[in-house]
Amino acid sequence: MIIRVGIVFVAATVWWLVLYHVFAPPGEYTRSAHVTRAVGAAVFTVPMVLLARKLLDRRSLDGLGFSSVAGGCRAFLVGAALWGIPAWSAMALMLWLGWADVTVLEPFSRTLPALLGLLVLVLLYEAVSEELIFRGYFFANLNEHWSTASTVVGQAALFTGWGVLIGAAGSLGRALLFFTFSLVLGVLRAATGNIMTCMGFHAAFQVTTQFLANNWNYVDLHDPDLSIQGLAFVLLPFLTAPLAMWWWHKNRRPIPAPN
């Protein structure tokens, strides 16, 4: 198991470094570089994980956490809601209280296509690619040998280490964000058994935070105390999502055994 996980971890790390430094060299943000990295990540990750599962693990793809199309769509929406409802509600409250300000810079006819375009990029680059590797492949392999709690922590450690190695978690604060984010995603994966829940949560977080950042310039967020970026987008949903999963499990009715 360690060798198989190590092979996929090294392959993912090397490929992301290639995406960062060869296909789209780092520097000032450009849309073309974002598209190149997003497409490159998905084109490499999907076949890599599927082949690793078949050839290295010799296991079925079911262990990656997929379900039917309808079930997957529902799980994706649940994941998006687990992040979006507390985050967007808190943001609305903070804007009403005057803790932060949002200025719309472009008309709706231009903002909506840009938002949908970002959603596609996030799905390709982060929500699908990263979840397939960490909450899909790594979670499945670790969970075959470890307890669920150890698996959740283990995949979070791998995700954080990967973020450090590729330069995405280059500070202590970023490393802590990576670790806590992946812990929450691991809890969602363990609680629902469906990787699409993780993809929905991941997509909602990334689309919102990236669209309000400086690189897109359709909406300007003035958040001097980081009330929205810290409390509404991170602390609150990262706490409420695991609590919601705990409440759901506690109140779920057991399926009666057949006679």
C-alpha atoms as a PDB file:
ATOM      1  CA  MET A   1       0.000   0.000   0.000  1.00  0.00           C
ATOM      2  CA  ILE A   2       2.772   2.441   0.891  1.00  0.00           C
ATOM      3  CA  ILE A   3       4.514   1.854  -2.442  1.00  0.00           C
ATOM      4  CA  ARG A   4       1.315   2.350  -4.447  1.00  0.00           C
ATOM      5  CA  VAL A   5       0.409   5.530  -2.593  1.00  0.00           C
ATOM      6  CA  GLY A   6       3.984   6.751  -2.960  1.00  0.00           C
ATOM      7  CA  ILE A   7       3.972   6.220  -6.729  1.00  0.00           C
ATOM      8  CA  VAL A   8       0.775   8.212  -7.202  1.00  0.00           C
ATOM      9  CA  PHE A   9       1.908  10.926  -4.760  1.00  0.00           C
ATOM     10  CA  VAL A  10       5.209  11.425  -6.596  1.00  0.00           C
ATOM     11  CA  ALA A  11       3.489  11.408  -9.991  1.00  0.00           C
ATOM     12  CA  ALA A  12       0.941  14.015  -8.894  1.00  0.00           C
ATOM     13  CA  THR A  13       3.619  16.208  -7.320  1.00  0.00           C
ATOM     14  CA  VAL A  14       5.888  16.105 -10.366  1.00  0.00           C
ATOM     15  CA  TRP A  15       3.025  16.822 -12.747  1.00  0.00           C
ATOM     16  CA  TRP A  16       1.811  19.840 -10.763  1.00  0.00           C
ATOM     17  CA  LEU A  17       5.355  21.187 -10.700  1.00  0.00           C
ATOM     18  CA  VAL A  18       5.457  20.777 -14.478  1.00  0.00           C
ATOM     19  CA  LEU A  19       2.158  22.640 -14.766  1.00  0.00           C
ATOM     20  CA  TYR A  20       3.487  25.428 -12.549  1.00  0.00           C
ATOM     21  CA  HIS A  21       6.927  25.867 -14.077  1.00  0.00           C
ATOM     22  CA  VAL A  22       6.879  24.503 -17.641  1.00  0.00           C
ATOM     23  CA  PHE A  23       3.453  24.744 -19.262  1.00  0.00           C
ATOM     24  CA  ALA A  24       2.481  27.959 -17.500  1.00  0.00           C
ATOM     25  CA  PRO A  25       5.477  29.581 -15.770  1.00  0.00           C
ATOM     26  CA  PRO A  26       4.682  31.414 -12.523  1.00  0.00           C
ATOM     27  CA  GLY A  27       4.345  35.158 -12.524  1.00  0.00           C
ATOM     28  CA  GLU A  28       1.504  37.551 -13.054  1.00  0.00           C
ATOM     29  CA  TYR A  29      -1.864  35.797 -13.290  1.00  0.00           C
ATOM     30  CA  THR A  30      -3.172  35.222 -16.811  1.00  0.00           C
ATOM     31  CA  ARG A  31      -6.350  33.502 -17.908  1.00  0.00           C
ATOM     32  CA  SER A  32      -4.471  31.439 -20.491  1.00  0.00           C
ATOM     33  CA  ALA A  33      -2.135  30.054 -17.814  1.00  0.00           C
ATOM     34  CA  HIS A  34      -5.124  29.161 -15.640  1.00  0.00           C
ATOM     35  CA  VAL A  35      -6.795  27.334 -18.530  1.00  0.00           C
ATOM     36  CA  THR A  36      -3.582  25.483 -19.395  1.00  0.00           C
ATOM     37  CA  ARG A  37      -3.081  24.298 -15.843  1.00  0.00           C
ATOM     38  CA  ALA A  38      -6.716  23.310 -15.381  1.00  0.00           C
ATOM     39  CA  VAL A  39      -6.896  21.265 -18.572  1.00  0.00           C
ATOM     40  CA  GLY A  40      -3.466  19.766 -17.958  1.00  0.00           C
ATOM     41  CA  ALA A  41      -4.402  18.723 -14.427  1.00  0.00           C
ATOM     42  CA  ALA A  42      -7.605  16.979 -15.491  1.00  0.00           C
ATOM     43  CA  VAL A  43      -6.129  15.309 -18.589  1.00  0.00           C
ATOM     44  CA  PHE A  44      -3.365  13.786 -16.457  1.00  0.00           C
ATOM     45  CA  THR A  45      -5.203  13.056 -13.222  1.00  0.00           C
ATOM     46  CA  VAL A  46      -8.283  11.200 -14.427  1.00  0.00           C
ATOM     47  CA  PRO A  47      -6.469   8.484 -16.418  1.00  0.00           C
ATOM     48  CA  MET A  48      -3.683   8.278 -13.822  1.00  0.00           C
ATOM     49  CA  VAL A  49      -6.088   7.513 -10.984  1.00  0.00           C
ATOM     50  CA  LEU A  50      -8.164   5.085 -13.038  1.00  0.00           C
ATOM     51  CA  LEU A  51      -5.086   3.213 -14.260  1.00  0.00           C
ATOM     52  CA  ALA A  52      -3.529   3.156 -10.793  1.00  0.00           C
ATOM     53  CA  ARG A  53      -6.719   1.719  -9.353  1.00  0.00           C
ATOM     54  CA  LYS A  54      -6.883  -0.980 -12.025  1.00  0.00           C
ATOM     55  CA  LEU A  55      -3.204  -1.848 -12.481  1.00  0.00           C
ATOM     56  CA  LEU A  56      -1.566  -1.062  -9.126  1.00  0.00           C
ATOM     57  CA  ASP A  57      -4.423  -1.787  -6.726  1.00  0.00           C
ATOM     58  CA  ARG A  58      -6.267  -4.353  -8.858  1.00  0.00           C
ATOM     59  CA  ARG A  59      -9.469  -3.079  -7.288  1.00  0.00           C
ATOM     60  CA  SER A  60     -12.768  -1.885  -8.709  1.00  0.00           C
ATOM     61  CA  LEU A  61     -13.434   1.789  -9.259  1.00  0.00           C
ATOM     62  CA  ASP A  62     -16.315   1.641  -6.765  1.00  0.00           C
ATOM     63  CA  GLY A  63     -13.865   2.129  -3.913  1.00  0.00           C
ATOM     64  CA  LEU A  64     -13.102   5.641  -5.136  1.00  0.00           C
ATOM     65  CA  GLY A  65     -16.462   6.804  -3.818  1.00  0.00           C
ATOM     66  CA  PHE A  66     -18.588   7.151  -6.937  1.00  0.00           C
ATOM     67  CA  SER A  67     -22.299   6.415  -7.139  1.00  0.00           C
ATOM     68  CA  SER A  68     -25.019   6.661  -9.775  1.00  0.00           C
ATOM     69  CA  VAL A  69     -25.292   9.834 -11.832  1.00  0.00           C
ATOM     70  CA  ALA A  70     -28.388  10.962  -9.937  1.00  0.00           C
ATOM     71  CA  GLY A  71     -26.842  10.116  -6.578  1.00  0.00           C
ATOM     72  CA  GLY A  72     -23.633  11.873  -7.535  1.00  0.00           C
ATOM     73  CA  CYS A  73     -25.478  15.040  -8.559  1.00  0.00           C
ATOM     74  CA  ARG A  74     -27.363  15.080  -5.269  1.00  0.00           C
ATOM     75  CA  ALA A  75     -24.150  14.519  -3.324  1.00  0.00           C
ATOM     76  CA  PHE A  76     -22.425  17.343  -5.235  1.00  0.00           C
ATOM     77  CA  LEU A  77     -25.238  19.750  -4.376  1.00  0.00           C
ATOM     78  CA  VAL A  78     -25.169  18.640  -0.739  1.00  0.00           C
ATOM     79  CA  GLY A  79     -21.438  19.325  -0.584  1.00  0.00           C
ATOM     80  CA  ALA A  80     -21.862  22.743  -2.189  1.00  0.00           C
ATOM     81  CA  ALA A  81     -24.658  23.567   0.259  1.00  0.00           C
ATOM     82  CA  LEU A  82     -22.596  22.466   3.264  1.00  0.00           C
ATOM     83  CA  TRP A  83     -20.085  25.168   2.399  1.00  0.00           C
ATOM     84  CA  GLY A  84     -22.326  27.675   0.654  1.00  0.00           C
ATOM     85  CA  ILE A  85     -25.214  28.049   3.088  1.00  0.00           C
ATOM     86  CA  PRO A  86     -23.140  29.056   6.137  1.00  0.00           C
ATOM     87  CA  ALA A  87     -20.541  30.957   4.105  1.00  0.00           C
ATOM     88  CA  TRP A  88     -22.890  32.981   1.929  1.00  0.00           C
ATOM     89  CA  SER A  89     -25.300  33.623   4.802  1.00  0.00           C
ATOM     90  CA  ALA A  90     -22.473  34.894   6.999  1.00  0.00           C
ATOM     91  CA  MET A  91     -21.137  37.033   4.151  1.00  0.00           C
ATOM     92  CA  ALA A  92     -24.565  38.618   3.640  1.00  0.00           C
ATOM     93  CA  LEU A  93     -24.823  39.364   7.352  1.00  0.00           C
ATOM     94  CA  MET A  94     -21.343  40.883   7.484  1.00  0.00           C
ATOM     95  CA  LEU A  95     -22.055  43.070   4.466  1.00  0.00           C
ATOM     96  CA  TRP A  96     -25.291  44.233   6.098  1.00  0.00           C
ATOM     97  CA  LEU A  97     -23.407  45.025   9.324  1.00  0.00           C
ATOM     98  CA  GLY A  98     -20.848  47.023   7.364  1.00  0.00           C
ATOM     99  CA  TRP A  99     -17.889  44.831   8.268  1.00  0.00           C
ATOM    100  CA  ALA A 100     -16.977  44.588   4.578  1.00  0.00           C
ATOM    101  CA  ASP A 101     -18.078  46.027   1.236  1.00  0.00           C
ATOM    102  CA  VAL A 102     -18.634  44.520  -2.203  1.00  0.00           C
ATOM    103  CA  THR A 103     -18.618  46.597  -5.379  1.00  0.00           C
ATOM    104  CA  VAL A 104     -19.883  45.116  -8.646  1.00  0.00           C
ATOM    105  CA  LEU A 105     -17.542  46.255 -11.414  1.00  0.00           C
ATOM    106  CA  GLU A 106     -19.173  44.665 -14.473  1.00  0.00           C
ATOM    107  CA  PRO A 107     -22.770  44.160 -15.661  1.00  0.00           C
ATOM    108  CA  PHE A 108     -24.545  40.877 -15.005  1.00  0.00           C
ATOM    109  CA  SER A 109     -24.371  39.937 -18.698  1.00  0.00           C
ATOM    110  CA  ARG A 110     -20.573  39.787 -18.426  1.00  0.00           C
ATOM    111  CA  THR A 111     -20.275  38.602 -14.841  1.00  0.00           C
ATOM    112  CA  LEU A 112     -22.363  35.442 -15.230  1.00  0.00           C
ATOM    113  CA  PRO A 113     -20.358  33.952 -18.147  1.00  0.00           C
ATOM    114  CA  ALA A 114     -17.133  34.692 -16.277  1.00  0.00           C
ATOM    115  CA  LEU A 115     -18.482  32.991 -13.156  1.00  0.00           C
ATOM    116  CA  LEU A 116     -19.517  29.910 -15.147  1.00  0.00           C
ATOM    117  CA  GLY A 117     -16.112  29.850 -16.822  1.00  0.00           C
ATOM    118  CA  LEU A 118     -14.401  29.925 -13.447  1.00  0.00           C
ATOM    119  CA  LEU A 119     -16.621  27.066 -12.281  1.00  0.00           C
ATOM    120  CA  VAL A 120     -15.384  24.927 -15.182  1.00  0.00           C
ATOM    121  CA  LEU A 121     -11.754  25.787 -14.407  1.00  0.00           C
ATOM    122  CA  VAL A 122     -12.208  25.006 -10.713  1.00  0.00           C
ATOM    123  CA  LEU A 123     -13.815  21.655 -11.500  1.00  0.00           C
ATOM    124  CA  LEU A 124     -10.970  20.682 -13.822  1.00  0.00           C
ATOM    125  CA  TYR A 125      -8.084  22.023 -11.759  1.00  0.00           C
ATOM    126  CA  GLU A 126      -9.147  21.506  -8.154  1.00  0.00           C
ATOM    127  CA  ALA A 127     -12.533  19.998  -7.379  1.00  0.00           C
ATOM    128  CA  VAL A 128     -12.245  16.972  -9.675  1.00  0.00           C
ATOM    129  CA  SER A 129      -8.485  16.486 -10.023  1.00  0.00           C
ATOM    130  CA  GLU A 130      -7.483  16.971  -6.391  1.00  0.00           C
ATOM    131  CA  GLU A 131     -10.465  15.086  -5.002  1.00  0.00           C
ATOM    132  CA  LEU A 132      -9.830  12.102  -7.274  1.00  0.00           C
ATOM    133  CA  ILE A 133      -6.285  11.854  -5.965  1.00  0.00           C
ATOM    134  CA  PHE A 134      -6.737  12.565  -2.264  1.00  0.00           C
ATOM    135  CA  ARG A 135     -10.320  11.762  -1.260  1.00  0.00           C
ATOM    136  CA  GLY A 136     -10.566   9.150  -3.998  1.00  0.00           C
ATOM    137  CA  TYR A 137      -7.392   7.139  -4.519  1.00  0.00           C
ATOM    138  CA  PHE A 138      -5.520   7.866  -1.298  1.00  0.00           C
ATOM    139  CA  PHE A 139      -8.611   7.609   0.901  1.00  0.00           C
ATOM    140  CA  ALA A 140      -9.546   4.246  -0.622  1.00  0.00           C
ATOM    141  CA  ASN A 141      -6.063   2.795  -0.155  1.00  0.00           C
ATOM    142  CA  LEU A 142      -5.518   4.089   3.363  1.00  0.00           C
ATOM    143  CA  ASN A 143      -8.971   2.985   4.482  1.00  0.00           C
ATOM    144  CA  GLU A 144      -8.259  -0.614   3.479  1.00  0.00           C
ATOM    145  CA  HIS A 145      -5.589  -0.831   6.184  1.00  0.00           C
ATOM    146  CA  TRP A 146      -6.344   1.969   8.649  1.00  0.00           C
ATOM    147  CA  SER A 147      -9.316   3.043  10.722  1.00  0.00           C
ATOM    148  CA  THR A 148     -11.567   5.733   9.298  1.00  0.00           C
ATOM    149  CA  ALA A 149     -10.212   8.372  11.688  1.00  0.00           C
ATOM    150  CA  SER A 150      -6.609   7.528  10.791  1.00  0.00           C
ATOM    151  CA  THR A 151      -7.508   7.590   7.109  1.00  0.00           C
ATOM    152  CA  VAL A 152      -9.020  11.071   7.398  1.00  0.00           C
ATOM    153  CA  VAL A 153      -5.881  12.380   9.111  1.00  0.00           C
ATOM    154  CA  GLY A 154      -3.568  10.488   6.760  1.00  0.00           C
ATOM    155  CA  GLN A 155      -5.049  11.874   3.563  1.00  0.00           C
ATOM    156  CA  ALA A 156      -5.018  15.360   5.108  1.00  0.00           C
ATOM    157  CA  ALA A 157      -1.306  14.987   5.851  1.00  0.00           C
ATOM    158  CA  LEU A 158      -0.671  13.870   2.262  1.00  0.00           C
ATOM    159  CA  PHE A 159      -2.663  16.808   0.889  1.00  0.00           C
ATOM    160  CA  THR A 160      -0.765  19.273   3.065  1.00  0.00           C
ATOM    161  CA  GLY A 161       2.615  17.776   2.186  1.00  0.00           C
ATOM    162  CA  TRP A 162       1.716  17.911  -1.477  1.00  0.00           C
ATOM    163  CA  GLY A 163       0.688  21.560  -1.143  1.00  0.00           C
ATOM    164  CA  VAL A 164       4.016  22.396   0.482  1.00  0.00           C
ATOM    165  CA  LEU A 165       6.034  20.568  -2.191  1.00  0.00           C
ATOM    166  CA  ILE A 166       4.311  22.256  -5.133  1.00  0.00           C
ATOM    167  CA  GLY A 167       4.534  25.681  -3.490  1.00  0.00           C
ATOM    168  CA  ALA A 168       0.801  26.199  -2.909  1.00  0.00           C
ATOM    169  CA  ALA A 169       1.215  26.013   0.877  1.00  0.00           C
ATOM    170  CA  GLY A 170       4.402  27.977   1.264  1.00  0.00           C
ATOM    171  CA  SER A 171       3.635  29.508   4.663  1.00  0.00           C
ATOM    172  CA  LEU A 172       2.490  28.155   8.009  1.00  0.00           C
ATOM    173  CA  GLY A 173      -0.909  29.775   7.564  1.00  0.00           C
ATOM    174  CA  ARG A 174      -1.391  28.220   4.132  1.00  0.00           C
ATOM    175  CA  ALA A 175      -0.253  24.819   5.409  1.00  0.00           C
ATOM    176  CA  LEU A 176      -2.784  25.001   8.254  1.00  0.00           C
ATOM    177  CA  LEU A 177      -5.498  25.966   5.767  1.00  0.00           C
ATOM    178  CA  PHE A 178      -4.608  22.992   3.570  1.00  0.00           C
ATOM    179  CA  PHE A 179      -4.664  20.629   6.545  1.00  0.00           C
ATOM    180  CA  THR A 180      -7.963  21.807   8.024  1.00  0.00           C
ATOM    181  CA  PHE A 181      -9.612  21.977   4.597  1.00  0.00           C
ATOM    182  CA  SER A 182      -8.577  18.413   3.790  1.00  0.00           C
ATOM    183  CA  LEU A 183      -9.668  17.224   7.242  1.00  0.00           C
ATOM    184  CA  VAL A 184     -13.165  18.559   6.568  1.00  0.00           C
ATOM    185  CA  LEU A 185     -13.194  16.985   3.114  1.00  0.00           C
ATOM    186  CA  GLY A 186     -12.040  13.699   4.617  1.00  0.00           C
ATOM    187  CA  VAL A 187     -14.879  13.810   7.136  1.00  0.00           C
ATOM    188  CA  LEU A 188     -17.372  14.403   4.324  1.00  0.00           C
ATOM    189  CA  ARG A 189     -15.921  11.494   2.357  1.00  0.00           C
ATOM    190  CA  ALA A 190     -16.091   9.192   5.369  1.00  0.00           C
ATOM    191  CA  ALA A 191     -19.582  10.267   6.409  1.00  0.00           C
ATOM    192  CA  THR A 192     -21.268  10.121   3.012  1.00  0.00           C
ATOM    193  CA  GLY A 193     -19.112   7.560   1.226  1.00  0.00           C
ATOM    194  CA  ASN A 194     -19.462   9.730  -1.873  1.00  0.00           C
ATOM    195  CA  ILE A 195     -16.570  11.656  -3.381  1.00  0.00           C
ATOM    196  CA  MET A 196     -19.016  13.963  -5.155  1.00  0.00           C
ATOM    197  CA  THR A 197     -19.882  15.536  -1.801  1.00  0.00           C
ATOM    198  CA  CYS A 198     -16.232  16.551  -1.471  1.00  0.00           C
ATOM    199  CA  MET A 199     -16.183  17.892  -5.021  1.00  0.00           C
ATOM    200  CA  GLY A 200     -19.237  20.056  -4.342  1.00  0.00           C
ATOM    201  CA  PHE A 201     -17.780  21.482  -1.125  1.00  0.00           C
ATOM    202  CA  HIS A 202     -14.413  22.079  -2.810  1.00  0.00           C
ATOM    203  CA  ALA A 203     -15.983  23.744  -5.855  1.00  0.00           C
ATOM    204  CA  ALA A 204     -18.194  26.102  -3.847  1.00  0.00           C
ATOM    205  CA  PHE A 205     -15.232  27.226  -1.732  1.00  0.00           C
ATOM    206  CA  GLN A 206     -12.836  27.749  -4.633  1.00  0.00           C
ATOM    207  CA  VAL A 207     -15.263  29.449  -7.014  1.00  0.00           C
ATOM    208  CA  THR A 208     -16.389  31.952  -4.389  1.00  0.00           C
ATOM    209  CA  THR A 209     -12.955  32.793  -3.014  1.00  0.00           C
ATOM    210  CA  GLN A 210     -11.295  33.029  -6.425  1.00  0.00           C
ATOM    211  CA  PHE A 211     -14.048  35.122  -7.997  1.00  0.00           C
ATOM    212  CA  LEU A 212     -13.845  37.638  -5.167  1.00  0.00           C
ATOM    213  CA  ALA A 213     -10.042  37.776  -5.377  1.00  0.00           C
ATOM    214  CA  ASN A 214      -8.161  40.379  -7.398  1.00  0.00           C
ATOM    215  CA  ASN A 215      -7.486  38.243 -10.469  1.00  0.00           C
ATOM    216  CA  TRP A 216     -10.982  38.301 -11.956  1.00  0.00           C
ATOM    217  CA  ASN A 217     -11.987  41.962 -11.531  1.00  0.00           C
ATOM    218  CA  TYR A 218     -15.729  41.510 -11.850  1.00  0.00           C
ATOM    219  CA  VAL A 219     -16.475  42.077  -8.170  1.00  0.00           C
ATOM    220  CA  ASP A 220     -14.328  43.994  -5.695  1.00  0.00           C
ATOM    221  CA  LEU A 221     -14.368  42.791  -2.084  1.00  0.00           C
ATOM    222  CA  HIS A 222     -13.145  45.242   0.540  1.00  0.00           C
ATOM    223  CA  ASP A 223     -12.585  43.101   3.629  1.00  0.00           C
ATOM    224  CA  PRO A 224      -9.958  44.895   5.746  1.00  0.00           C
ATOM    225  CA  ASP A 225     -10.408  42.745   8.851  1.00  0.00           C
ATOM    226  CA  LEU A 226     -10.732  39.479   6.869  1.00  0.00           C
ATOM    227  CA  SER A 227     -14.147  38.961   8.414  1.00  0.00           C
ATOM    228  CA  ILE A 228     -15.533  37.387   5.259  1.00  0.00           C
ATOM    229  CA  GLN A 229     -12.387  35.658   4.009  1.00  0.00           C
ATOM    230  CA  GLY A 230     -11.507  34.265   7.423  1.00  0.00           C
ATOM    231  CA  LEU A 231     -14.693  33.844   9.428  1.00  0.00           C
ATOM    232  CA  ALA A 232     -17.407  33.440   6.786  1.00  0.00           C
ATOM    233  CA  PHE A 233     -15.447  31.461   4.192  1.00  0.00           C
ATOM    234  CA  VAL A 234     -13.197  29.321   6.405  1.00  0.00           C
ATOM    235  CA  LEU A 235     -13.946  29.082  10.105  1.00  0.00           C
ATOM    236  CA  LEU A 236     -17.742  28.889   9.995  1.00  0.00           C
ATOM    237  CA  PRO A 237     -18.275  26.343   7.175  1.00  0.00           C
ATOM    238  CA  PHE A 238     -15.277  24.267   8.260  1.00  0.00           C
ATOM    239  CA  LEU A 239     -16.962  23.864  11.656  1.00  0.00           C
ATOM    240  CA  THR A 240     -20.575  23.483  10.567  1.00  0.00           C
ATOM    241  CA  ALA A 241     -19.991  20.891   7.826  1.00  0.00           C
ATOM    242  CA  PRO A 242     -18.594  18.192  10.168  1.00  0.00           C
ATOM    243  CA  LEU A 243     -21.263  19.063  12.745  1.00  0.00           C
ATOM    244  CA  ALA A 244     -23.953  18.624  10.095  1.00  0.00           C
ATOM    245  CA  MET A 245     -22.530  15.211   9.204  1.00  0.00           C
ATOM    246  CA  TRP A 246     -22.479  14.227  12.881  1.00  0.00           C
ATOM    247  CA  TRP A 247     -26.106  15.324  13.323  1.00  0.00           C
ATOM    248  CA  TRP A 248     -27.145  13.470  10.182  1.00  0.00           C
ATOM    249  CA  HIS A 249     -25.537  10.233  11.346  1.00  0.00           C
ATOM    250  CA  LYS A 250     -26.954  10.605  14.837  1.00  0.00           C
ATOM    251  CA  ASN A 251     -30.516  11.037  13.582  1.00  0.00           C
ATOM    252  CA  ARG A 252     -30.395   8.650  10.638  1.00  0.00           C
ATOM    253  CA  ARG A 253     -32.782   5.752  11.066  1.00  0.00           C
ATOM    254  CA  PRO A 254     -31.099   2.361  10.838  1.00  0.00           C
ATOM    255  CA  ILE A 255     -32.243   0.071   8.048  1.00  0.00           C
ATOM    256  CA  PRO A 256     -34.146  -2.847   9.614  1.00  0.00           C
ATOM    257  CA  ALA A 257     -32.592  -6.255   9.146  1.00  0.00           C
ATOM    258  CA  PRO A 258     -34.490  -8.600   6.810  1.00  0.00           C
ATOM    259  CA  ASN A 259     -36.554 -11.325   8.444  1.00  0.00           C
END
